[in-house]
Structure formats: C-alpha cells, structure tokens
Amino acid sequence: KNLWQTTRGSMATVADNVTDLQTQVAALTTALSATNNQITTNTAEVDAFYIMWAACLVFLMQCGFATLEAGSVRDKNVRNVLLKNALDACVGALVWYLWGYGLSGNGNAFIGTDP
C-alpha cells in the first residue's frame, strides 16, 4: 500500500466513527428529551399530591383545634364551639373559592380569569 491508500483508509474509518458518534448523540438527545418530559410530568403530579396532602393536614388541624377549644369550655358550650369551628372551615373554603383562588393566579368565574 502506498501512503495515499493508508491515509484514505484511515480517513474512511474516522468518517465512519464520526457518523456512528453522531447517530449515538442523536439517540441520546432523543432519550434525554423523553426523560425530561417524564420528569416534568412527575413534578406536576408530585405538586398536586403535596397540595392535597397539605389541605388534609389543615383540616386535621381544624379538628385538633376544635378538640382543644371543646376541652377549654364548659359542657353546655361545647356544641357552640364545635359549630363555630365547622362554620369557620366552611366560610374559609367559600372565601378561598371566591377570592383567594382567583388571586393565586388560577382564576375562577368571580375573580381572575378562567384558564
């Protein structure tokens, strides 16, 4: 073999390697994009779960506070205290729907914009 044939063979091998590497990079880019989309989807699901979990904890705190207040008053006033705490939760939910939810950026028919 002369020098030209040796160089030409090496260049063909390098070109094949570059082509293989480009194919692998394209495959990895596609896989990375799919993984990124999956992470984004999982993040939204985790956020929704966290909000629901936090809401449950808030309502459990309402129950605990009602128990504390019921234990702090006389027997004849326990029913009034429990009713007050139940109404507090109901009014709080209604005010959140009418005012707070719209201000949080999600909007509703009363305030803000519907998504």
Foldseek 3Di string as FASTA:
>chain_A
DDPVVVVVVVVVVVVVVVVVVVVVVVVVVVVVVVVVVVVVVVVVVVVVVVVVVVVVVVVVVLVVVLVVVLVVDDVVCSVVSNVVSVVVVVVVVVCCVQPVVQVVACHDPRHHDHD
